[in-house]
Structures are given as C-alpha cells and as structure tokens.
Amino acid sequence: MTDYELYEVVYNKAYISATLCLLAVIAFRFRSEIENYFARLGKAKSYVLMAFLLRILPFIVVYIIYGYDAQSDVQIFWKSAQEAAKFKLVYTDFESLYSPFFPYITAIPLFFWDAARAVTLLMIFIELGVLWLTMKTYPDRSSASTLFKGLIYLLLPAPYIFCVLGGQEDIWMWGFACLVVYAWQRKKSDFVLGMITGLGLLATKAFFVLLLPLLLLKLKNKGQFILGNVVVGLPILLILYVFGGTSFLMPIRLAQEPMAVNMWSIVNPLIWDYGITADIKLLNWIGLFVILGIAIWQTLKSKSIDIQQYMPKIWMLIFGVMMVVQIGAYANYIFIFAMPLLFGFNFFKNKTFLILTFIFQSFATVQPSFWFRIGKPFLRFDNFLGAKFAIEYALEMVVFIGVIYWLAKVWKSETK
C-alpha cells in the first residue's frame, strides 16, 4: 500500500473541509440574496432544500453512486444493531459502549436495508431533526436569518464529516438537551423534563448523565424531576439487572483507552517518564470531578437566568471541559457542541469567531483519521523524531487551542 492509499481518506477529508470553507465564504458573500430566497421559498421548503443538498445528496453520491462503505464507528454500530434486530439483550448477549436503547434504535433501518450505510443514513436524518428542533428553540431575528444560520451549520466541516462520512451519533445528546428547553418553553412540568432526560440517558451515552445533577440544581420542583427520571429509567435498569446483573456497567468498563485530543495527549510527551498517564481509570475519575465541579459552580452562579439561556452555556462547559481534562476525549466530540455553540450564543456576528471556528473544525476532521492511521499513538517525546508523529502532534495542538478558544468565548459570553 502506497502512502497516498494509506492516507487517502485524510486527504479527502482535507479537500472536503476546504471546499466547505469556500462554500461558507460564498454564502456569506451572498447572504442577503440567500436570505431573500429563503423568505420567498418558505421555511419548510428551504430547510428541505438545504438538507437535501448538504446531507442527502452527499450520502447518495458517496454511498450509492461511488459505493463507498461506511467506516469508523458505524461498523461497530451496525454489528450491535444486527444483534439488537434479533431481539437479543444488550450487554448480556452482545457488547455495546452506548446506552441500552441505542442499538435498538439503530436496528430500525436494518429491517429495510441491512447495511452499515443504513445506520449512517439514520444518523443523518436524526441530525437533521435535531437541527430543526434547535432552529425552533433558538430562532434568530427572522425565519430567513435562522435558516441562513442553519445553512452555515450544515457547512461546518466537523458535523459534515463526522455525520456523513463518520456516521457519528454524538449530536443525539444535544437533541435531548434541546428538547428539554423546547418543553420548558411550552411550560411543561419538571416531571416531563425528567422524563426527557431519562430517555436521553437511555438512548445516547453515559456522558449524558452529567447534565442531570445540573438540571436538578436549576429546577424548582426537584422531586418531580427525579420522579420523571425514575419512571423512565428504573424499569429498564431493573430489567437489565435481572437478566444481566451488573453487565449494564459495560460502557463504563470498556471506555478505558487513552485518546487524543485532550490535555493529557498534549502534555504526555513532557511527562511520560513520570508515569502520570499510566492510571487511566484514576485520570478519568479526576476528570469527572473537575467537569462536575466547574459545571456545578457555574450552575450556582446562573440561578438568575432561565433554562433557555442556561442550557447552551452549561452544555459547552460540560463537554468543552471534558475535551480538555478527560484522557478518553477525542476530536470527534466537537460534534457534540457545534449546534449550541452556533445557535445558543451571540457569536454569529463575530467574523473572527466564524473564521477561526471553520479553521479549527477543519483540523478536527483530519486529526482523528491521521491519528488512527499512524497507530493511535499516545505520543512520547522521542516520537517527534518521526515526521508523521510531529505532524499529528501539530494537528492536536491546533484542535486543542480551538477547544480552549471556544471555552474562553463561552465563559465570558452572554447567551441569547
């Protein structure tokens, strides 16, 4: 295999990211014309058009016309979904790194099309649904400007690459968080909000649990919120325990591999000899306490703001800080907070923010693929003698600086 063949996916992602950046520049150049067109076409038709051009059409070109096979985690999703489609019990009959409902949700399209690409298509439709919900929950000054913001989101390199080519599911978590805000706007009870977060925990990742204590501190009727979680979650937990014992802890037990980008991957070349990064479980616990500590502190400081303002900021702090301090964090997690970063704050008018965001996201789309192809190294100082490791570390630094930049913006920002 030649070097080009080995790194072909990396090059292709770089080309796609550059193209998306160019399209975003053109979109801003003709913003008035585009918004006028959206206003004439109508919200629903405009959204369908954007969704088709920037998600469905690329899927057709990549997977149907060119016959590209879904890669990365999608293959793992597909295998577990196949087991779930046979009505086997998650964690007991087959392994899963995700919450109990996840393999059964991803199994739904397999009844019509048993292929990894079917799971990718499901991910695309769910992302589009979450984007529509986010646009309704965090609208701009007009329907046309909200649609334009949606267009720019669809042009962001990280969501495009991680969803269309990577079939990543991380945006599901924001979907449930946004649904909490949407329900709150419609004056739903804290019990309903508890049910939504309970479903979010059952359908996404264990990480989603970080949001629960923060909402508990924020809401007035804490008992109703807890009851909503219990009504949804306790029966499922009992079923899993009765049939599989403590196997439901599998996602926590399996998530013990060092990844990049995070502060540990950044500083490891300097501290390798001291063995600080050897105990991954300990570092994960330390990271968890740091995340919750910062998030709880900010929650207590945010008593005066409503949930609509509170959610994007606390979401960014949870997952931005997680990308910094968790040794298992990697660049794909940028997908988790792309929507709240764009829709939940007043950053869209800031040209510097937009330019840097597109740059950082472009690097974030390339780094994971390059990192995997050079053997998923947790770099040491002597690795820098090899050019490919030095390049990978430079990619890590750019992505890490990007996360710190976004966190700093959010920390001192005013939400919408």
Protein backbone atom coordinates (compact mmCIF):
# COMPACT_ATOMS: atom_id res chain seq x y z
CA MET A 1 0.00 0.00 0.00
CA THR A 2 1.40 3.39 -1.00
CA ASP A 3 1.44 6.38 1.34
CA TYR A 4 -1.29 8.01 -0.73
CA GLU A 5 -3.54 4.97 -0.43
CA LEU A 6 -2.90 4.80 3.31
CA TYR A 7 -3.76 8.46 3.84
CA GLU A 8 -6.32 8.85 1.05
CA VAL A 9 -9.19 9.32 3.50
CA VAL A 10 -7.19 12.01 5.32
CA TYR A 11 -6.55 13.87 2.06
CA ASN A 12 -10.20 13.55 1.02
CA LYS A 13 -11.40 14.95 4.33
CA ALA A 14 -8.98 17.86 3.96
CA TYR A 15 -10.29 18.55 0.43
CA ILE A 16 -13.90 18.37 1.61
CA SER A 17 -13.20 20.70 4.56
CA ALA A 18 -11.51 23.23 2.29
CA THR A 19 -14.48 23.08 -0.11
CA LEU A 20 -16.95 23.61 2.73
CA CYS A 21 -14.95 26.62 3.95
CA LEU A 22 -15.03 28.09 0.44
CA LEU A 23 -18.78 27.50 0.18
CA ALA A 24 -19.26 29.23 3.54
CA VAL A 25 -17.31 32.26 2.29
CA ILE A 26 -19.52 32.38 -0.82
CA ALA A 27 -22.65 32.02 1.34
CA PHE A 28 -21.67 35.00 3.50
CA ARG A 29 -20.80 36.99 0.37
CA PHE A 30 -24.34 36.47 -0.93
CA ARG A 31 -26.10 36.37 2.43
CA SER A 32 -28.77 38.95 1.55
CA GLU A 33 -29.69 37.17 -1.67
CA ILE A 34 -29.81 33.78 0.06
CA GLU A 35 -31.99 35.06 2.90
CA ASN A 36 -34.34 36.74 0.42
CA TYR A 37 -34.61 33.46 -1.46
CA PHE A 38 -35.37 31.62 1.80
CA ALA A 39 -38.06 34.19 2.62
CA ARG A 40 -39.73 33.65 -0.76
CA LEU A 41 -39.44 29.87 -0.67
CA GLY A 42 -40.69 29.44 2.89
CA LYS A 43 -39.15 27.85 5.96
CA ALA A 44 -40.10 24.22 5.38
CA LYS A 45 -39.16 24.11 1.68
CA SER A 46 -35.91 26.00 2.33
CA TYR A 47 -34.93 23.58 5.06
CA VAL A 48 -35.71 20.54 2.93
CA LEU A 49 -33.62 22.03 0.10
CA MET A 50 -30.64 22.65 2.39
CA ALA A 51 -30.96 19.21 3.96
CA PHE A 52 -31.07 17.54 0.57
CA LEU A 53 -28.12 19.44 -0.92
CA LEU A 54 -25.81 19.20 2.10
CA ARG A 55 -26.73 15.85 3.65
CA ILE A 56 -28.91 13.58 1.48
CA LEU A 57 -27.21 14.29 -1.86
CA PRO A 58 -23.69 13.74 -0.45
CA PHE A 59 -24.93 10.45 1.04
CA ILE A 60 -26.27 9.36 -2.37
CA VAL A 61 -23.04 10.36 -4.14
CA VAL A 62 -20.70 8.77 -1.60
CA TYR A 63 -22.56 5.58 -0.70
CA ILE A 64 -24.84 4.83 -3.67
CA ILE A 65 -23.05 6.19 -6.76
CA TYR A 66 -19.46 5.56 -5.65
CA GLY A 67 -20.29 2.60 -3.44
CA TYR A 68 -18.12 3.78 -0.56
CA ASP A 69 -18.60 1.58 2.50
CA ALA A 70 -19.34 3.18 5.86
CA GLN A 71 -16.26 3.32 8.06
CA SER A 72 -15.22 4.11 11.61
CA ASP A 73 -17.68 3.53 14.46
CA VAL A 74 -20.56 2.87 12.06
CA GLN A 75 -19.30 -0.66 11.54
CA ILE A 76 -19.50 -1.20 15.31
CA PHE A 77 -22.98 0.36 15.43
CA TRP A 78 -24.09 -1.92 12.60
CA LYS A 79 -22.82 -5.09 14.27
CA SER A 80 -24.57 -4.30 17.55
CA ALA A 81 -27.71 -3.21 15.68
CA GLN A 82 -27.79 -6.56 13.90
CA GLU A 83 -27.80 -8.30 17.27
CA ALA A 84 -30.48 -5.94 18.59
CA ALA A 85 -32.58 -6.63 15.47
CA LYS A 86 -32.61 -10.29 16.54
CA PHE A 87 -34.13 -9.10 19.86
CA LYS A 88 -31.07 -10.11 21.86
CA LEU A 89 -30.40 -8.39 25.21
CA VAL A 90 -27.85 -5.60 25.15
CA TYR A 91 -24.75 -6.03 27.39
CA THR A 92 -25.72 -9.65 28.15
CA ASP A 93 -25.93 -11.14 24.64
CA PHE A 94 -23.73 -8.60 22.86
CA GLU A 95 -21.36 -5.76 23.74
CA SER A 96 -22.18 -2.08 23.46
CA LEU A 97 -20.41 1.10 24.53
CA TYR A 98 -23.68 3.01 24.40
CA SER A 99 -26.87 3.37 26.40
CA PRO A 100 -29.37 0.47 26.30
CA PHE A 101 -31.81 1.90 23.74
CA PHE A 102 -29.09 2.90 21.27
CA PRO A 103 -28.55 -0.45 19.49
CA TYR A 104 -32.32 -0.96 19.19
CA ILE A 105 -32.82 2.49 17.64
CA THR A 106 -30.00 1.89 15.16
CA ALA A 107 -31.55 -1.51 14.37
CA ILE A 108 -34.73 0.07 12.97
CA PRO A 109 -33.40 0.78 9.43
CA LEU A 110 -31.87 -2.70 9.21
CA PHE A 111 -35.33 -4.20 8.77
CA PHE A 112 -35.41 -2.36 5.41
CA TRP A 113 -31.72 -2.28 4.46
CA ASP A 114 -29.21 -4.42 6.33
CA ALA A 115 -26.04 -2.42 5.73
CA ALA A 116 -23.77 -0.11 7.71
CA ARG A 117 -24.78 2.65 5.30
CA ALA A 118 -28.36 2.37 6.58
CA VAL A 119 -27.10 3.31 10.05
CA THR A 120 -25.26 6.30 8.57
CA LEU A 121 -28.46 7.43 6.83
CA LEU A 122 -30.31 7.16 10.15
CA MET A 123 -27.64 9.34 11.77
CA ILE A 124 -28.13 11.95 9.05
CA PHE A 125 -31.91 12.06 9.49
CA ILE A 126 -31.57 12.34 13.27
CA GLU A 127 -29.02 15.16 12.93
CA LEU A 128 -31.40 17.00 10.59
CA GLY A 129 -34.22 16.51 13.10
CA VAL A 130 -32.07 17.88 15.91
CA LEU A 131 -31.08 20.86 13.75
CA TRP A 132 -34.75 21.63 13.00
CA LEU A 133 -35.55 21.44 16.73
CA THR A 134 -32.59 23.71 17.56
CA MET A 135 -33.71 26.27 14.99
CA LYS A 136 -37.21 26.30 16.51
CA THR A 137 -35.85 26.52 20.06
CA TYR A 138 -33.19 29.16 19.35
CA PRO A 139 -34.57 31.24 16.44
CA ASP A 140 -32.78 34.29 15.07
CA ARG A 141 -34.38 37.65 14.37
CA SER A 142 -36.25 36.29 11.33
CA SER A 143 -37.05 32.94 9.79
CA ALA A 144 -34.70 33.65 6.88
CA SER A 145 -31.75 34.50 9.12
CA THR A 146 -32.42 31.39 11.21
CA LEU A 147 -32.32 29.33 8.03
CA PHE A 148 -29.08 31.01 6.99
CA LYS A 149 -27.56 30.08 10.33
CA GLY A 150 -28.76 26.54 9.69
CA LEU A 151 -27.05 26.65 6.30
CA ILE A 152 -23.76 27.67 7.91
CA TYR A 153 -24.08 24.85 10.42
CA LEU A 154 -24.56 22.37 7.57
CA LEU A 155 -21.37 23.76 6.00
CA LEU A 156 -19.29 23.34 9.16
CA PRO A 157 -16.60 20.73 8.37
CA ALA A 158 -16.85 18.72 11.61
CA PRO A 159 -20.61 17.97 11.56
CA TYR A 160 -20.44 17.27 7.83
CA ILE A 161 -17.51 14.84 8.05
CA PHE A 162 -18.47 13.20 11.34
CA CYS A 163 -22.09 12.70 10.29
CA VAL A 164 -22.00 11.97 6.54
CA LEU A 165 -18.68 10.10 6.41
CA GLY A 166 -18.33 9.03 10.04
CA GLY A 167 -21.96 8.33 10.98
CA GLN A 168 -21.34 9.67 14.48
CA GLU A 169 -24.19 9.83 17.00
CA ASP A 170 -22.87 12.47 19.42
CA ILE A 171 -25.41 15.10 18.36
CA TRP A 172 -28.19 12.89 19.80
CA MET A 173 -27.27 14.12 23.28
CA TRP A 174 -27.74 17.76 22.32
CA GLY A 175 -31.07 16.76 20.76
CA PHE A 176 -32.41 15.63 24.13
CA ALA A 177 -30.93 18.66 25.91
CA CYS A 178 -32.57 20.94 23.35
CA LEU A 179 -35.84 19.03 23.76
CA VAL A 180 -35.72 19.88 27.48
CA VAL A 181 -35.52 23.58 26.58
CA TYR A 182 -38.27 23.22 23.96
CA ALA A 183 -40.56 21.54 26.52
CA TRP A 184 -39.70 24.18 29.14
CA GLN A 185 -40.60 26.97 26.67
CA ARG A 186 -44.02 25.36 26.36
CA LYS A 187 -44.40 25.33 30.14
CA LYS A 188 -44.19 21.59 30.56
CA SER A 189 -43.80 20.28 34.10
CA ASP A 190 -40.49 19.36 35.71
CA PHE A 191 -41.78 15.78 35.66
CA VAL A 192 -41.86 15.91 31.84
CA LEU A 193 -38.36 17.39 31.79
CA GLY A 194 -37.24 14.50 33.98
CA MET A 195 -38.77 12.00 31.56
CA ILE A 196 -36.95 13.64 28.64
CA THR A 197 -33.58 13.49 30.38
CA GLY A 198 -34.31 9.90 31.42
CA LEU A 199 -34.93 8.98 27.79
CA GLY A 200 -31.80 10.87 26.79
CA LEU A 201 -29.74 8.82 29.21
CA LEU A 202 -31.27 5.57 27.92
CA ALA A 203 -30.79 6.43 24.25
CA THR A 204 -27.40 8.13 23.96
CA LYS A 205 -24.24 7.83 26.05
CA ALA A 206 -23.34 7.58 29.70
CA PHE A 207 -21.90 11.12 29.37
CA PHE A 208 -25.47 12.46 29.27
CA VAL A 209 -25.77 11.74 32.99
CA LEU A 210 -23.55 14.78 33.65
CA LEU A 211 -26.48 17.03 32.77
CA LEU A 212 -28.90 15.54 35.32
CA PRO A 213 -27.47 16.92 38.60
CA LEU A 214 -27.07 20.35 36.99
CA LEU A 215 -30.71 20.47 35.91
CA LEU A 216 -31.70 19.20 39.34
CA LEU A 217 -29.98 22.22 40.90
CA LYS A 218 -31.63 24.54 38.39
CA LEU A 219 -35.26 23.38 38.50
CA LYS A 220 -37.71 24.38 41.23
CA ASN A 221 -39.64 21.11 41.61
CA LYS A 222 -36.73 18.76 42.14
CA GLY A 223 -38.90 15.89 43.34
CA GLN A 224 -40.96 15.89 40.14
CA PHE A 225 -37.80 15.97 38.03
CA ILE A 226 -36.33 12.99 39.90
CA LEU A 227 -39.65 11.15 39.63
CA GLY A 228 -39.69 11.68 35.86
CA ASN A 229 -36.22 10.14 35.60
CA VAL A 230 -37.19 7.24 37.85
CA VAL A 231 -40.40 6.44 35.96
CA VAL A 232 -38.49 6.18 32.69
CA GLY A 233 -35.19 4.73 33.86
CA LEU A 234 -35.86 2.43 36.80
CA PRO A 235 -37.88 -0.24 34.93
CA ILE A 236 -35.15 -0.52 32.27
CA LEU A 237 -32.43 -0.70 34.92
CA LEU A 238 -34.31 -3.46 36.76
CA ILE A 239 -34.78 -5.47 33.55
CA LEU A 240 -31.08 -5.17 32.72
CA TYR A 241 -30.08 -6.14 36.26
CA VAL A 242 -32.44 -9.11 36.50
CA PHE A 243 -31.29 -10.62 33.21
CA GLY A 244 -27.67 -9.46 33.14
CA GLY A 245 -26.54 -8.49 36.62
CA THR A 246 -24.10 -5.59 36.51
CA SER A 247 -23.44 -6.03 32.79
CA PHE A 248 -25.20 -2.67 32.23
CA LEU A 249 -21.97 -1.05 33.50
CA MET A 250 -20.23 -2.24 30.33
CA PRO A 251 -19.99 1.24 28.73
CA ILE A 252 -18.01 2.49 31.73
CA ARG A 253 -15.78 -0.58 31.90
CA LEU A 254 -14.89 -0.53 28.21
CA ALA A 255 -14.12 3.19 27.99
CA GLN A 256 -10.60 2.91 29.38
CA GLU A 257 -8.44 3.70 26.34
CA PRO A 258 -6.35 6.90 26.04
CA MET A 259 -7.37 9.04 23.08
CA ALA A 260 -6.46 12.36 21.52
CA VAL A 261 -7.09 15.34 21.60
CA ASN A 262 -7.08 16.29 25.30
CA MET A 263 -4.66 17.90 27.71
CA TRP A 264 -3.15 14.51 28.60
CA SER A 265 -2.29 13.74 24.99
CA ILE A 266 -0.84 17.24 24.69
CA VAL A 267 1.38 17.10 27.79
CA ASN A 268 2.23 13.39 27.66
CA PRO A 269 5.46 13.93 25.68
CA LEU A 270 6.71 16.02 28.60
CA ILE A 271 5.52 13.83 31.49
CA TRP A 272 5.81 10.33 30.02
CA ASP A 273 8.79 9.36 32.16
CA TYR A 274 6.86 10.10 35.36
CA GLY A 275 4.10 7.56 34.63
CA ILE A 276 1.36 10.08 35.37
CA THR A 277 -0.82 8.94 32.44
CA ALA A 278 -0.47 5.23 33.24
CA ASP A 279 -3.54 5.01 35.52
CA ILE A 280 -6.32 5.84 33.06
CA LYS A 281 -9.13 4.94 35.46
CA LEU A 282 -7.81 7.38 38.07
CA LEU A 283 -7.43 10.16 35.50
CA ASN A 284 -10.99 9.53 34.29
CA TRP A 285 -12.30 9.98 37.83
CA ILE A 286 -10.25 13.12 38.33
CA GLY A 287 -11.59 14.48 35.05
CA LEU A 288 -15.15 13.67 36.05
CA PHE A 289 -14.84 15.57 39.32
CA VAL A 290 -13.26 18.56 37.55
CA ILE A 291 -16.09 18.65 34.98
CA LEU A 292 -18.82 18.40 37.61
CA GLY A 293 -17.06 20.87 39.91
CA ILE A 294 -16.84 23.56 37.23
CA ALA A 295 -20.36 22.84 35.95
CA ILE A 296 -21.94 22.95 39.43
CA TRP A 297 -20.10 26.18 40.23
CA GLN A 298 -21.40 27.77 37.04
CA THR A 299 -24.91 26.42 37.71
CA LEU A 300 -24.98 28.05 41.13
CA LYS A 301 -23.81 31.30 39.54
CA SER A 302 -26.56 31.05 36.91
CA LYS A 303 -29.62 30.98 39.18
CA SER A 304 -30.95 34.22 37.69
CA ILE A 305 -31.03 33.07 34.06
CA ASP A 306 -33.69 30.87 32.53
CA ILE A 307 -33.14 27.37 31.14
CA GLN A 308 -33.12 28.60 27.53
CA GLN A 309 -30.06 30.73 28.30
CA TYR A 310 -28.57 28.27 30.75
CA MET A 311 -28.53 25.14 28.61
CA PRO A 312 -26.10 26.17 25.83
CA LYS A 313 -23.60 27.59 28.29
CA ILE A 314 -23.60 24.67 30.70
CA TRP A 315 -23.57 22.25 27.75
CA MET A 316 -20.49 23.91 26.30
CA LEU A 317 -18.79 23.93 29.68
CA ILE A 318 -19.53 20.23 30.34
CA PHE A 319 -18.30 18.94 27.01
CA GLY A 320 -15.66 21.59 26.35
CA VAL A 321 -14.04 20.91 29.71
CA MET A 322 -14.49 17.18 29.08
CA MET A 323 -12.45 17.53 25.88
CA VAL A 324 -9.72 19.20 27.91
CA VAL A 325 -9.48 17.02 31.01
CA GLN A 326 -10.74 13.54 30.03
CA ILE A 327 -7.97 11.24 28.80
CA GLY A 328 -10.54 9.38 26.68
CA ALA A 329 -11.71 12.51 24.83
CA TYR A 330 -11.01 12.85 21.12
CA ALA A 331 -11.66 15.37 18.35
CA ASN A 332 -14.99 13.87 17.27
CA TYR A 333 -16.56 15.30 20.44
CA ILE A 334 -16.58 18.70 18.73
CA PHE A 335 -19.74 17.39 17.06
CA ILE A 336 -21.45 17.41 20.49
CA PHE A 337 -21.42 21.18 20.87
CA ALA A 338 -21.42 22.51 17.29
CA MET A 339 -25.15 23.39 17.36
CA PRO A 340 -25.35 25.05 20.80
CA LEU A 341 -22.16 26.97 20.02
CA LEU A 342 -23.66 28.38 16.84
CA PHE A 343 -27.30 28.86 17.90
CA GLY A 344 -27.15 29.44 21.65
CA PHE A 345 -24.80 32.45 21.73
CA ASN A 346 -24.33 35.79 20.03
CA PHE A 347 -21.15 34.73 18.26
CA PHE A 348 -22.57 34.64 14.74
CA LYS A 349 -21.94 38.34 14.16
CA ASN A 350 -18.26 37.92 15.04
CA LYS A 351 -16.27 37.41 11.83
CA THR A 352 -13.14 36.33 13.71
CA PHE A 353 -15.09 33.68 15.60
CA LEU A 354 -16.55 32.26 12.39
CA ILE A 355 -13.22 32.15 10.57
CA LEU A 356 -11.41 30.50 13.49
CA THR A 357 -14.28 28.05 14.01
CA PHE A 358 -14.08 26.87 10.41
CA ILE A 359 -10.29 26.56 10.68
CA PHE A 360 -10.36 24.64 13.96
CA GLN A 361 -13.13 22.38 12.71
CA SER A 362 -11.21 21.64 9.52
CA PHE A 363 -8.21 20.46 11.54
CA ALA A 364 -10.52 18.44 13.79
CA THR A 365 -11.87 16.50 10.81
CA VAL A 366 -8.38 15.48 9.69
CA GLN A 367 -6.69 14.71 13.02
CA PRO A 368 -8.67 11.58 14.07
CA SER A 369 -8.20 9.83 10.71
CA PHE A 370 -4.49 10.64 10.64
CA TRP A 371 -4.10 9.56 14.27
CA PHE A 372 -5.76 6.20 13.63
CA ARG A 373 -3.64 5.56 10.55
CA ILE A 374 -0.35 6.04 12.37
CA GLY A 375 -1.36 3.59 15.08
CA LYS A 376 -3.34 5.68 17.63
CA PRO A 377 -0.17 6.76 19.47
CA PHE A 378 -0.17 8.37 22.88
CA LEU A 379 2.88 10.38 21.98
CA ARG A 380 6.20 10.42 23.81
CA PHE A 381 8.97 12.95 23.30
CA ASP A 382 11.12 10.55 21.26
CA ASN A 383 8.23 10.07 18.80
CA PHE A 384 8.91 13.52 17.38
CA LEU A 385 11.91 12.10 15.53
CA GLY A 386 9.33 10.73 13.10
CA ALA A 387 7.78 13.34 10.83
CA LYS A 388 4.31 11.79 10.85
CA PHE A 389 4.17 11.94 14.66
CA ALA A 390 5.30 15.57 14.68
CA ILE A 391 2.58 16.40 12.14
CA GLU A 392 -0.03 14.59 14.21
CA TYR A 393 1.02 16.48 17.33
CA ALA A 394 0.73 19.78 15.45
CA LEU A 395 -2.81 18.81 14.43
CA GLU A 396 -3.60 18.01 18.07
CA MET A 397 -2.29 21.41 19.18
CA VAL A 398 -4.49 23.30 16.72
CA VAL A 399 -7.63 21.38 17.77
CA PHE A 400 -6.78 21.80 21.46
CA ILE A 401 -6.26 25.55 21.03
CA GLY A 402 -9.63 25.65 19.28
CA VAL A 403 -11.39 23.99 22.22
CA ILE A 404 -9.73 26.42 24.64
CA TYR A 405 -10.76 29.33 22.41
CA TRP A 406 -14.41 28.21 22.35
CA LEU A 407 -14.40 27.65 26.11
CA ALA A 408 -12.98 31.12 26.72
CA LYS A 409 -15.63 32.67 24.49
CA VAL A 410 -18.41 30.83 26.26
CA TRP A 411 -17.02 31.53 29.73
CA LYS A 412 -17.28 35.30 29.30
CA SER A 413 -20.24 35.35 26.92
CA GLU A 414 -23.80 36.43 27.16
CA THR A 415 -26.20 33.77 25.89
CA LYS A 416 -29.11 34.66 23.64
